[in-house]
Amino acid sequence: MVDVKKASHAEMFSELFIYELGLALGFNMAVYERGDGCIKSLDFTAGASVNFEPASAFMGDNEDYADVVKALEHICPKAIPDYVRLIFVDTLCANPDRHTNDFGLLREVKTGKLLGLAPNYDNNMALISRGYPSTPKSGDLLIRLLGELMDEHPEYKEYIPTLTENMVRSVLAKLNMRVKTHAVVDIVMGRYKLIVKQMRKA
């Protein structure tokens, strides 16, 4: 099954860039493809062979990182590494829209057993989707919130990968979409450097 969503060029680029960057980093990503004026995403439940349970089912509308981790510790600890990677990507690419219906868990249909975090999906509000953001600063809310989680759980630093400019440029070259390449590199690498700086303080 394929979900089709209308998208501007900037939204399409942002979704596809984050998908390809996530793959390059070895992350669990929902599959996205470029369409004609739309973005296509493949069903990550594989035709309901597993059930998707949005985080709203166990968090309500509480998006607090530490609270989500605390809940996952009780119901599905194996989901924590992918959750940390999810919010790392959100922070890296300035995604302001990770509400509790935009991530969740996969569950076995027959047994109800929780399998782990669902793939990272719905990034069309991130990066350049609403224009090219200004140069990131250390006071950035998402960077601060990720830093606070690392303060509380320094053991999660192992889930944060090394990112290089070459990796970012390689993804840009693969997509071959008309964007301000240098601006995208500056945004992503600038935010990455601030994330690393914040983690060193933790």
N, C-alpha and C. Protein backbone atom coordinates (compact mmCIF):
# COMPACT_ATOMS: atom_id res chain seq x y z
N MET A 1 0.84 -1.19 0.00
CA MET A 1 0.00 0.00 0.00
C MET A 1 0.88 1.25 0.00
N VAL A 2 0.50 2.25 -0.79
CA VAL A 2 1.27 3.49 -0.90
C VAL A 2 0.40 4.66 -0.47
N ASP A 3 0.93 5.48 0.42
CA ASP A 3 0.24 6.70 0.83
C ASP A 3 0.78 7.86 -0.01
N VAL A 4 -0.11 8.66 -0.55
CA VAL A 4 0.29 9.78 -1.41
C VAL A 4 -0.12 11.09 -0.74
N LYS A 5 0.83 12.02 -0.64
CA LYS A 5 0.55 13.30 0.00
C LYS A 5 1.06 14.44 -0.89
N LYS A 6 0.18 15.39 -1.15
CA LYS A 6 0.56 16.55 -1.95
C LYS A 6 1.69 17.29 -1.26
N ALA A 7 2.67 17.74 -2.05
CA ALA A 7 3.84 18.39 -1.45
C ALA A 7 4.41 19.43 -2.39
N SER A 8 4.85 20.54 -1.82
CA SER A 8 5.60 21.53 -2.59
C SER A 8 6.99 20.98 -2.86
N HIS A 9 7.74 21.66 -3.72
CA HIS A 9 9.11 21.22 -4.02
C HIS A 9 9.94 21.20 -2.74
N ALA A 10 9.81 22.23 -1.91
CA ALA A 10 10.60 22.31 -0.68
C ALA A 10 10.21 21.22 0.31
N GLU A 11 8.91 20.93 0.41
CA GLU A 11 8.46 19.86 1.30
C GLU A 11 8.95 18.50 0.81
N MET A 12 8.86 18.31 -0.50
CA MET A 12 9.31 17.05 -1.09
C MET A 12 10.81 16.85 -0.86
N PHE A 13 11.57 17.91 -1.09
CA PHE A 13 13.02 17.82 -0.87
C PHE A 13 13.32 17.48 0.59
N SER A 14 12.68 18.18 1.51
CA SER A 14 12.95 17.98 2.94
C SER A 14 12.65 16.55 3.36
N GLU A 15 11.51 16.03 2.91
CA GLU A 15 11.14 14.66 3.26
C GLU A 15 12.14 13.65 2.67
N LEU A 16 12.48 13.83 1.40
CA LEU A 16 13.39 12.89 0.74
C LEU A 16 14.82 13.01 1.27
N PHE A 17 15.25 14.23 1.55
CA PHE A 17 16.60 14.43 2.08
C PHE A 17 16.74 13.73 3.43
N ILE A 18 15.76 13.91 4.30
CA ILE A 18 15.83 13.31 5.63
C ILE A 18 15.76 11.78 5.53
N TYR A 19 14.94 11.29 4.63
CA TYR A 19 14.87 9.84 4.40
C TYR A 19 16.23 9.30 3.97
N GLU A 20 16.84 9.93 2.97
CA GLU A 20 18.12 9.43 2.45
C GLU A 20 19.24 9.63 3.47
N LEU A 21 19.22 10.73 4.21
CA LEU A 21 20.25 10.95 5.23
C LEU A 21 20.11 9.91 6.34
N GLY A 22 18.88 9.64 6.74
CA GLY A 22 18.64 8.61 7.76
C GLY A 22 19.17 7.25 7.33
N LEU A 23 18.91 6.90 6.06
CA LEU A 23 19.43 5.64 5.55
C LEU A 23 20.96 5.62 5.58
N ALA A 24 21.57 6.74 5.18
CA ALA A 24 23.04 6.83 5.17
C ALA A 24 23.61 6.65 6.58
N LEU A 25 22.84 7.06 7.59
CA LEU A 25 23.30 6.93 8.97
C LEU A 25 22.93 5.58 9.58
N GLY A 26 22.24 4.75 8.81
CA GLY A 26 21.87 3.43 9.30
C GLY A 26 20.63 3.42 10.18
N PHE A 27 19.79 4.44 10.04
CA PHE A 27 18.60 4.56 10.88
C PHE A 27 17.41 3.84 10.26
N ASN A 28 16.41 3.59 11.09
CA ASN A 28 15.18 2.92 10.69
C ASN A 28 14.22 3.96 10.09
N MET A 29 14.10 3.99 8.78
CA MET A 29 13.34 5.03 8.09
C MET A 29 12.19 4.43 7.28
N ALA A 30 11.02 5.07 7.33
CA ALA A 30 9.94 4.72 6.43
C ALA A 30 10.36 5.10 5.01
N VAL A 31 9.95 4.32 4.03
CA VAL A 31 10.38 4.51 2.64
C VAL A 31 9.56 5.62 1.98
N TYR A 32 10.28 6.58 1.39
CA TYR A 32 9.64 7.69 0.67
C TYR A 32 10.14 7.73 -0.77
N GLU A 33 9.24 8.10 -1.66
CA GLU A 33 9.58 8.24 -3.08
C GLU A 33 8.99 9.53 -3.62
N ARG A 34 9.66 10.07 -4.62
CA ARG A 34 9.20 11.30 -5.25
C ARG A 34 8.09 11.00 -6.25
N GLY A 35 7.01 11.78 -6.20
CA GLY A 35 5.92 11.66 -7.17
C GLY A 35 5.78 12.94 -7.96
N ASP A 36 4.74 13.03 -8.75
CA ASP A 36 4.47 14.22 -9.56
C ASP A 36 3.62 15.19 -8.73
N GLY A 37 4.31 16.14 -8.08
CA GLY A 37 3.62 17.08 -7.20
C GLY A 37 3.19 16.48 -5.88
N CYS A 38 3.74 15.32 -5.58
CA CYS A 38 3.38 14.63 -4.35
C CYS A 38 4.56 13.81 -3.84
N ILE A 39 4.43 13.37 -2.61
CA ILE A 39 5.42 12.48 -2.02
C ILE A 39 4.72 11.17 -1.70
N LYS A 40 5.38 10.06 -2.04
CA LYS A 40 4.79 8.74 -1.81
C LYS A 40 5.52 8.06 -0.66
N SER A 41 4.76 7.45 0.23
CA SER A 41 5.38 6.68 1.31
C SER A 41 4.79 5.27 1.32
N LEU A 42 5.66 4.29 1.52
CA LEU A 42 5.24 2.90 1.55
C LEU A 42 4.76 2.52 2.95
N ASP A 43 3.79 1.67 3.02
CA ASP A 43 3.18 1.22 4.26
C ASP A 43 4.20 0.43 5.09
N PHE A 44 4.61 0.98 6.24
CA PHE A 44 5.61 0.28 7.04
C PHE A 44 5.01 -0.83 7.91
N THR A 45 3.68 -1.03 7.84
CA THR A 45 3.09 -2.18 8.52
C THR A 45 3.02 -3.39 7.59
N ALA A 46 3.50 -3.23 6.36
CA ALA A 46 3.50 -4.32 5.37
C ALA A 46 2.13 -4.95 5.24
N GLY A 47 1.15 -4.10 4.96
CA GLY A 47 -0.21 -4.60 4.77
C GLY A 47 -0.84 -5.12 6.04
N ALA A 48 -0.57 -4.42 7.15
CA ALA A 48 -1.12 -4.78 8.47
C ALA A 48 -0.63 -6.13 8.98
N SER A 49 0.58 -6.51 8.55
CA SER A 49 1.19 -7.72 9.12
C SER A 49 1.67 -7.44 10.55
N VAL A 50 1.84 -6.15 10.87
CA VAL A 50 2.06 -5.69 12.24
C VAL A 50 1.13 -4.50 12.48
N ASN A 51 0.85 -4.24 13.73
CA ASN A 51 0.01 -3.11 14.08
C ASN A 51 0.85 -1.91 14.48
N PHE A 52 0.42 -0.73 14.09
CA PHE A 52 1.08 0.50 14.50
C PHE A 52 0.29 1.13 15.63
N GLU A 53 0.99 1.45 16.71
CA GLU A 53 0.38 2.10 17.87
C GLU A 53 1.03 3.47 18.05
N PRO A 54 0.32 4.55 17.72
CA PRO A 54 0.93 5.87 17.87
C PRO A 54 1.27 6.16 19.33
N ALA A 55 2.26 7.00 19.52
CA ALA A 55 2.69 7.34 20.88
C ALA A 55 1.57 8.00 21.68
N SER A 56 0.61 8.60 20.98
CA SER A 56 -0.52 9.22 21.68
C SER A 56 -1.29 8.19 22.51
N ALA A 57 -1.20 6.89 22.13
CA ALA A 57 -1.91 5.85 22.87
C ALA A 57 -1.37 5.67 24.28
N PHE A 58 -0.05 5.97 24.47
CA PHE A 58 0.52 5.82 25.81
C PHE A 58 1.07 7.12 26.39
N MET A 59 1.09 8.20 25.57
CA MET A 59 1.61 9.48 26.05
C MET A 59 0.56 10.59 26.03
N GLY A 60 -0.61 10.35 25.42
CA GLY A 60 -1.53 11.46 25.21
C GLY A 60 -0.87 12.46 24.29
N ASP A 61 -0.90 13.73 24.67
CA ASP A 61 -0.21 14.74 23.85
C ASP A 61 1.09 15.20 24.49
N ASN A 62 1.62 14.43 25.43
CA ASN A 62 2.86 14.77 26.12
C ASN A 62 4.06 14.37 25.25
N GLU A 63 4.77 15.35 24.73
CA GLU A 63 5.91 15.11 23.84
C GLU A 63 7.25 15.20 24.56
N ASP A 64 7.24 15.44 25.85
CA ASP A 64 8.49 15.64 26.58
C ASP A 64 9.42 14.44 26.42
N TYR A 65 10.65 14.71 25.98
CA TYR A 65 11.58 13.62 25.67
C TYR A 65 11.81 12.69 26.86
N ALA A 66 12.06 13.27 28.01
CA ALA A 66 12.35 12.46 29.20
C ALA A 66 11.15 11.62 29.60
N ASP A 67 9.96 12.18 29.46
CA ASP A 67 8.74 11.44 29.80
C ASP A 67 8.51 10.29 28.82
N VAL A 68 8.78 10.53 27.53
CA VAL A 68 8.64 9.46 26.54
C VAL A 68 9.62 8.33 26.86
N VAL A 69 10.86 8.68 27.15
CA VAL A 69 11.86 7.66 27.48
C VAL A 69 11.43 6.87 28.70
N LYS A 70 10.91 7.55 29.71
CA LYS A 70 10.47 6.88 30.93
C LYS A 70 9.36 5.87 30.61
N ALA A 71 8.44 6.27 29.74
CA ALA A 71 7.36 5.36 29.34
C ALA A 71 7.91 4.17 28.57
N LEU A 72 8.85 4.44 27.66
CA LEU A 72 9.43 3.35 26.87
C LEU A 72 10.22 2.38 27.75
N GLU A 73 10.86 2.88 28.78
CA GLU A 73 11.59 2.01 29.69
C GLU A 73 10.68 0.94 30.28
N HIS A 74 9.42 1.30 30.48
CA HIS A 74 8.46 0.38 31.09
C HIS A 74 7.81 -0.55 30.08
N ILE A 75 7.48 -0.01 28.89
CA ILE A 75 6.67 -0.81 27.96
C ILE A 75 7.48 -1.42 26.81
N CYS A 76 8.58 -0.76 26.40
CA CYS A 76 9.35 -1.27 25.26
C CYS A 76 10.76 -0.68 25.25
N PRO A 77 11.63 -1.14 26.16
CA PRO A 77 12.99 -0.57 26.25
C PRO A 77 13.78 -0.65 24.95
N LYS A 78 13.52 -1.69 24.13
CA LYS A 78 14.27 -1.85 22.89
C LYS A 78 13.99 -0.71 21.90
N ALA A 79 12.93 0.08 22.15
CA ALA A 79 12.60 1.19 21.26
C ALA A 79 13.41 2.45 21.55
N ILE A 80 14.08 2.49 22.69
CA ILE A 80 14.77 3.72 23.11
C ILE A 80 15.87 4.14 22.15
N PRO A 81 16.77 3.25 21.69
CA PRO A 81 17.81 3.71 20.75
C PRO A 81 17.23 4.38 19.51
N ASP A 82 16.19 3.77 18.92
CA ASP A 82 15.59 4.38 17.73
C ASP A 82 14.86 5.68 18.06
N TYR A 83 14.31 5.78 19.26
CA TYR A 83 13.66 7.04 19.65
C TYR A 83 14.71 8.15 19.76
N VAL A 84 15.84 7.85 20.36
CA VAL A 84 16.91 8.85 20.48
C VAL A 84 17.39 9.27 19.08
N ARG A 85 17.52 8.31 18.18
CA ARG A 85 17.92 8.64 16.80
C ARG A 85 16.85 9.49 16.11
N LEU A 86 15.59 9.20 16.40
CA LEU A 86 14.49 9.97 15.83
C LEU A 86 14.58 11.43 16.23
N ILE A 87 14.75 11.69 17.53
CA ILE A 87 14.79 13.09 17.97
C ILE A 87 16.11 13.75 17.59
N PHE A 88 17.16 12.95 17.41
CA PHE A 88 18.40 13.51 16.88
C PHE A 88 18.18 14.04 15.47
N VAL A 89 17.52 13.26 14.61
CA VAL A 89 17.23 13.71 13.25
C VAL A 89 16.32 14.94 13.27
N ASP A 90 15.33 14.94 14.15
CA ASP A 90 14.46 16.12 14.28
C ASP A 90 15.27 17.36 14.64
N THR A 91 16.20 17.18 15.56
CA THR A 91 17.04 18.31 16.00
C THR A 91 17.97 18.74 14.88
N LEU A 92 18.57 17.78 14.22
CA LEU A 92 19.51 18.05 13.14
C LEU A 92 18.85 18.82 12.00
N CYS A 93 17.62 18.47 11.69
CA CYS A 93 16.94 19.03 10.52
C CYS A 93 15.80 19.97 10.89
N ALA A 94 15.80 20.42 12.15
CA ALA A 94 14.86 21.46 12.61
C ALA A 94 13.41 21.09 12.32
N ASN A 95 13.01 19.90 12.78
CA ASN A 95 11.63 19.46 12.62
C ASN A 95 10.81 19.91 13.83
N PRO A 96 9.87 20.85 13.65
CA PRO A 96 9.12 21.38 14.78
C PRO A 96 7.83 20.60 15.05
N ASP A 97 7.61 19.49 14.34
CA ASP A 97 6.27 18.90 14.29
C ASP A 97 6.24 17.44 14.71
N ARG A 98 7.07 17.04 15.68
CA ARG A 98 7.10 15.64 16.10
C ARG A 98 6.11 15.44 17.26
N HIS A 99 4.83 15.55 16.96
CA HIS A 99 3.81 15.32 17.99
C HIS A 99 3.61 13.82 18.18
N THR A 100 2.77 13.44 19.12
CA THR A 100 2.69 12.03 19.51
C THR A 100 1.88 11.16 18.54
N ASN A 101 1.36 11.75 17.48
CA ASN A 101 0.79 10.93 16.41
C ASN A 101 1.77 10.75 15.26
N ASP A 102 2.98 11.30 15.42
CA ASP A 102 4.00 11.23 14.36
C ASP A 102 5.15 10.28 14.71
N PHE A 103 4.96 9.46 15.72
CA PHE A 103 5.88 8.36 16.00
C PHE A 103 5.11 7.36 16.86
N GLY A 104 5.64 6.17 16.96
CA GLY A 104 4.94 5.16 17.75
C GLY A 104 5.63 3.82 17.71
N LEU A 105 4.91 2.80 18.11
CA LEU A 105 5.47 1.46 18.25
C LEU A 105 4.80 0.48 17.30
N LEU A 106 5.53 -0.57 16.94
CA LEU A 106 4.97 -1.66 16.17
C LEU A 106 4.70 -2.83 17.10
N ARG A 107 3.57 -3.49 16.85
CA ARG A 107 3.13 -4.58 17.72
C ARG A 107 2.73 -5.80 16.87
N GLU A 108 3.11 -6.99 17.32
CA GLU A 108 2.70 -8.20 16.63
C GLU A 108 1.18 -8.32 16.64
N VAL A 109 0.62 -8.72 15.52
CA VAL A 109 -0.84 -8.81 15.41
C VAL A 109 -1.40 -9.92 16.30
N LYS A 110 -0.78 -11.10 16.24
CA LYS A 110 -1.35 -12.25 16.95
C LYS A 110 -1.10 -12.21 18.45
N THR A 111 0.13 -11.87 18.84
CA THR A 111 0.49 -11.95 20.27
C THR A 111 0.35 -10.61 21.00
N GLY A 112 0.36 -9.51 20.26
CA GLY A 112 0.33 -8.20 20.90
C GLY A 112 1.69 -7.75 21.41
N LYS A 113 2.72 -8.56 21.14
CA LYS A 113 4.06 -8.23 21.62
C LYS A 113 4.59 -6.98 20.92
N LEU A 114 5.16 -6.07 21.71
CA LEU A 114 5.76 -4.86 21.14
C LEU A 114 7.10 -5.19 20.51
N LEU A 115 7.29 -4.75 19.28
CA LEU A 115 8.49 -5.10 18.51
C LEU A 115 9.56 -4.03 18.53
N GLY A 116 9.17 -2.78 18.70
CA GLY A 116 10.12 -1.67 18.69
C GLY A 116 9.48 -0.44 18.11
N LEU A 117 10.30 0.58 17.91
CA LEU A 117 9.79 1.84 17.37
C LEU A 117 9.47 1.70 15.89
N ALA A 118 8.39 2.29 15.46
CA ALA A 118 8.07 2.33 14.03
C ALA A 118 9.13 3.16 13.31
N PRO A 119 9.30 2.95 12.01
CA PRO A 119 10.28 3.75 11.26
C PRO A 119 9.98 5.25 11.34
N ASN A 120 11.02 6.02 11.21
CA ASN A 120 10.92 7.49 11.19
C ASN A 120 10.12 7.92 9.96
N TYR A 121 9.04 8.69 10.18
CA TYR A 121 8.21 9.14 9.07
C TYR A 121 7.71 10.56 9.33
N ASP A 122 7.17 11.17 8.29
CA ASP A 122 6.52 12.49 8.35
C ASP A 122 7.50 13.60 8.76
N ASN A 123 8.37 13.94 7.80
CA ASN A 123 9.35 15.01 8.02
C ASN A 123 9.14 16.19 7.07
N ASN A 124 7.93 16.32 6.54
CA ASN A 124 7.70 17.34 5.51
C ASN A 124 7.64 18.76 6.05
N MET A 125 7.65 18.92 7.37
CA MET A 125 7.65 20.28 7.96
C MET A 125 9.06 20.72 8.34
N ALA A 126 10.05 19.86 8.11
CA ALA A 126 11.42 20.12 8.57
C ALA A 126 12.26 20.84 7.53
N LEU A 127 13.48 21.12 7.91
CA LEU A 127 14.54 21.64 7.06
C LEU A 127 14.12 22.91 6.31
N ILE A 128 13.95 22.85 4.99
CA ILE A 128 13.66 24.06 4.21
C ILE A 128 12.20 24.13 3.77
N SER A 129 11.35 23.29 4.36
CA SER A 129 9.97 23.20 3.90
C SER A 129 9.21 24.52 4.04
N ARG A 130 9.62 25.35 5.00
CA ARG A 130 8.96 26.65 5.20
C ARG A 130 9.94 27.79 4.94
N GLY A 131 10.91 27.54 4.07
CA GLY A 131 11.93 28.53 3.77
C GLY A 131 13.24 28.14 4.41
N TYR A 132 14.30 28.81 4.01
CA TYR A 132 15.62 28.50 4.56
C TYR A 132 15.76 29.15 5.93
N PRO A 133 15.92 28.34 6.98
CA PRO A 133 16.03 28.92 8.33
C PRO A 133 17.33 29.68 8.52
N SER A 134 17.33 30.53 9.51
CA SER A 134 18.52 31.31 9.82
C SER A 134 19.61 30.41 10.41
N THR A 135 20.80 30.94 10.49
CA THR A 135 21.92 30.19 11.05
C THR A 135 21.58 29.73 12.47
N PRO A 136 21.72 28.44 12.75
CA PRO A 136 21.36 27.94 14.08
C PRO A 136 22.24 28.53 15.18
N LYS A 137 21.63 28.71 16.34
CA LYS A 137 22.35 29.26 17.49
C LYS A 137 22.23 28.29 18.65
N SER A 138 23.12 28.44 19.62
CA SER A 138 23.17 27.50 20.75
C SER A 138 21.89 27.54 21.58
N GLY A 139 21.11 28.62 21.48
CA GLY A 139 19.87 28.72 22.24
C GLY A 139 18.70 28.05 21.56
N ASP A 140 18.92 27.43 20.41
CA ASP A 140 17.85 26.75 19.67
C ASP A 140 17.11 25.77 20.57
N LEU A 141 15.78 25.82 20.54
CA LEU A 141 14.97 25.02 21.46
C LEU A 141 15.21 23.53 21.30
N LEU A 142 15.20 23.02 20.07
CA LEU A 142 15.36 21.59 19.86
C LEU A 142 16.74 21.11 20.32
N ILE A 143 17.76 21.92 20.05
CA ILE A 143 19.12 21.56 20.48
C ILE A 143 19.20 21.55 22.01
N ARG A 144 18.57 22.52 22.63
CA ARG A 144 18.56 22.57 24.10
C ARG A 144 17.84 21.36 24.69
N LEU A 145 16.69 21.00 24.12
CA LEU A 145 15.91 19.89 24.65
C LEU A 145 16.66 18.55 24.50
N LEU A 146 17.32 18.37 23.35
CA LEU A 146 18.12 17.15 23.17
C LEU A 146 19.27 17.14 24.17
N GLY A 147 19.89 18.30 24.37
CA GLY A 147 20.99 18.41 25.33
C GLY A 147 20.54 18.07 26.74
N GLU A 148 19.33 18.49 27.11
CA GLU A 148 18.81 18.19 28.44
C GLU A 148 18.59 16.69 28.63
N LEU A 149 18.13 16.02 27.56
CA LEU A 149 17.96 14.57 27.65
C LEU A 149 19.31 13.89 27.83
N MET A 150 20.33 14.38 27.12
CA MET A 150 21.67 13.80 27.24
C MET A 150 22.26 14.07 28.62
N ASP A 151 21.92 15.21 29.22
CA ASP A 151 22.35 15.49 30.59
C ASP A 151 21.81 14.43 31.54
N GLU A 152 20.54 14.09 31.33
CA GLU A 152 19.87 13.14 32.21
C GLU A 152 20.28 11.70 31.91
N HIS A 153 20.57 11.43 30.62
CA HIS A 153 20.93 10.07 30.20
C HIS A 153 22.18 10.11 29.32
N PRO A 154 23.35 10.33 29.91
CA PRO A 154 24.58 10.41 29.10
C PRO A 154 24.88 9.12 28.35
N GLU A 155 24.30 8.00 28.82
CA GLU A 155 24.52 6.73 28.13
C GLU A 155 23.91 6.72 26.73
N TYR A 156 23.00 7.64 26.45
CA TYR A 156 22.36 7.70 25.13
C TYR A 156 23.25 8.33 24.07
N LYS A 157 24.37 8.90 24.48
CA LYS A 157 25.26 9.52 23.50
C LYS A 157 25.76 8.51 22.47
N GLU A 158 25.80 7.24 22.87
CA GLU A 158 26.28 6.21 21.94
C GLU A 158 25.36 6.04 20.74
N TYR A 159 24.13 6.52 20.84
CA TYR A 159 23.17 6.39 19.74
C TYR A 159 23.26 7.55 18.73
N ILE A 160 24.07 8.56 19.07
CA ILE A 160 24.24 9.71 18.19
C ILE A 160 25.42 9.44 17.25
N PRO A 161 25.19 9.42 15.95
CA PRO A 161 26.26 9.04 15.01
C PRO A 161 27.19 10.20 14.68
N THR A 162 28.27 9.88 14.05
CA THR A 162 29.16 10.89 13.48
C THR A 162 28.62 11.28 12.11
N LEU A 163 28.52 12.57 11.87
CA LEU A 163 28.03 13.09 10.59
C LEU A 163 29.12 13.94 9.96
N THR A 164 29.34 13.77 8.67
CA THR A 164 30.34 14.56 7.97
C THR A 164 29.69 15.36 6.85
N GLU A 165 30.37 16.42 6.45
CA GLU A 165 29.87 17.23 5.33
C GLU A 165 29.80 16.40 4.06
N ASN A 166 30.74 15.48 3.88
CA ASN A 166 30.72 14.63 2.69
C ASN A 166 29.45 13.79 2.62
N MET A 167 28.98 13.32 3.77
CA MET A 167 27.75 12.54 3.81
C MET A 167 26.56 13.40 3.36
N VAL A 168 26.51 14.62 3.86
CA VAL A 168 25.42 15.52 3.50
C VAL A 168 25.46 15.82 2.00
N ARG A 169 26.63 16.11 1.50
CA ARG A 169 26.76 16.43 0.06
C ARG A 169 26.45 15.21 -0.80
N SER A 170 26.77 14.02 -0.32
CA SER A 170 26.47 12.81 -1.06
C SER A 170 24.95 12.62 -1.19
N VAL A 171 24.22 12.89 -0.12
CA VAL A 171 22.76 12.80 -0.17
C VAL A 171 22.19 13.84 -1.13
N LEU A 172 22.72 15.04 -1.08
CA LEU A 172 22.27 16.10 -2.00
C LEU A 172 22.51 15.70 -3.45
N ALA A 173 23.67 15.12 -3.70
CA ALA A 173 23.99 14.71 -5.08
C ALA A 173 23.06 13.58 -5.53
N LYS A 174 22.74 12.68 -4.64
CA LYS A 174 21.85 11.56 -4.99
C LYS A 174 20.46 12.07 -5.33
N LEU A 175 19.95 13.03 -4.56
CA LEU A 175 18.62 13.57 -4.82
C LEU A 175 18.58 14.40 -6.09
N ASN A 176 19.66 15.17 -6.32
CA ASN A 176 19.75 16.01 -7.51
C ASN A 176 18.51 16.88 -7.70
N MET A 177 18.10 17.55 -6.63
CA MET A 177 16.95 18.46 -6.68
C MET A 177 17.44 19.89 -6.57
N ARG A 178 16.72 20.80 -7.18
CA ARG A 178 17.15 22.19 -7.20
C ARG A 178 16.90 22.86 -5.85
N VAL A 179 17.97 23.03 -5.09
CA VAL A 179 17.94 23.72 -3.80
C VAL A 179 19.25 24.49 -3.65
N LYS A 180 19.31 25.32 -2.63
CA LYS A 180 20.54 26.04 -2.33
C LYS A 180 21.45 25.10 -1.55
N THR A 181 22.30 24.40 -2.28
CA THR A 181 23.12 23.34 -1.70
C THR A 181 23.94 23.82 -0.51
N HIS A 182 24.63 24.93 -0.69
CA HIS A 182 25.50 25.43 0.39
C HIS A 182 24.68 25.78 1.62
N ALA A 183 23.47 26.31 1.41
CA ALA A 183 22.62 26.67 2.54
C ALA A 183 22.19 25.42 3.31
N VAL A 184 21.83 24.36 2.59
CA VAL A 184 21.42 23.12 3.25
C VAL A 184 22.59 22.53 4.03
N VAL A 185 23.76 22.50 3.42
CA VAL A 185 24.95 22.00 4.12
C VAL A 185 25.22 22.82 5.38
N ASP A 186 25.13 24.13 5.26
CA ASP A 186 25.40 25.01 6.41
C ASP A 186 24.39 24.77 7.53
N ILE A 187 23.12 24.60 7.16
CA ILE A 187 22.08 24.36 8.17
C ILE A 187 22.34 23.06 8.91
N VAL A 188 22.51 21.98 8.16
CA VAL A 188 22.63 20.66 8.77
C VAL A 188 23.94 20.54 9.56
N MET A 189 25.05 20.97 8.97
CA MET A 189 26.32 20.83 9.68
C MET A 189 26.42 21.82 10.84
N GLY A 190 25.82 22.99 10.67
CA GLY A 190 25.81 23.96 11.78
C GLY A 190 25.05 23.41 12.97
N ARG A 191 23.91 22.79 12.70
CA ARG A 191 23.12 22.22 13.79
C ARG A 191 23.84 21.01 14.41
N TYR A 192 24.49 20.22 13.56
CA TYR A 192 25.22 19.06 14.08
C TYR A 192 26.35 19.50 15.03
N LYS A 193 27.07 20.53 14.64
CA LYS A 193 28.16 21.01 15.50
C LYS A 193 27.65 21.51 16.84
N LEU A 194 26.47 22.15 16.83
CA LEU A 194 25.89 22.62 18.09
C LEU A 194 25.40 21.45 18.94
N ILE A 195 24.88 20.41 18.30
CA ILE A 195 24.46 19.21 19.04
C ILE A 195 25.67 18.57 19.72
N VAL A 196 26.76 18.42 18.97
CA VAL A 196 27.98 17.82 19.53
C VAL A 196 28.52 18.67 20.69
N LYS A 197 28.52 19.97 20.50
CA LYS A 197 28.98 20.88 21.55
C LYS A 197 28.12 20.74 22.81
N GLN A 198 26.82 20.63 22.62
CA GLN A 198 25.89 20.48 23.74
C GLN A 198 26.14 19.15 24.47
N MET A 199 26.41 18.11 23.71
CA MET A 199 26.63 16.79 24.32
C MET A 199 27.93 16.75 25.12
N ARG A 200 28.92 17.52 24.67
CA ARG A 200 30.19 17.54 25.39
C ARG A 200 30.03 18.15 26.78
N LYS A 201 29.03 19.00 26.92
CA LYS A 201 28.77 19.62 28.22
C LYS A 201 28.10 18.66 29.18
N ALA A 202 27.41 17.66 28.58
CA ALA A 202 26.62 16.73 29.41
C ALA A 202 27.53 15.78 30.19
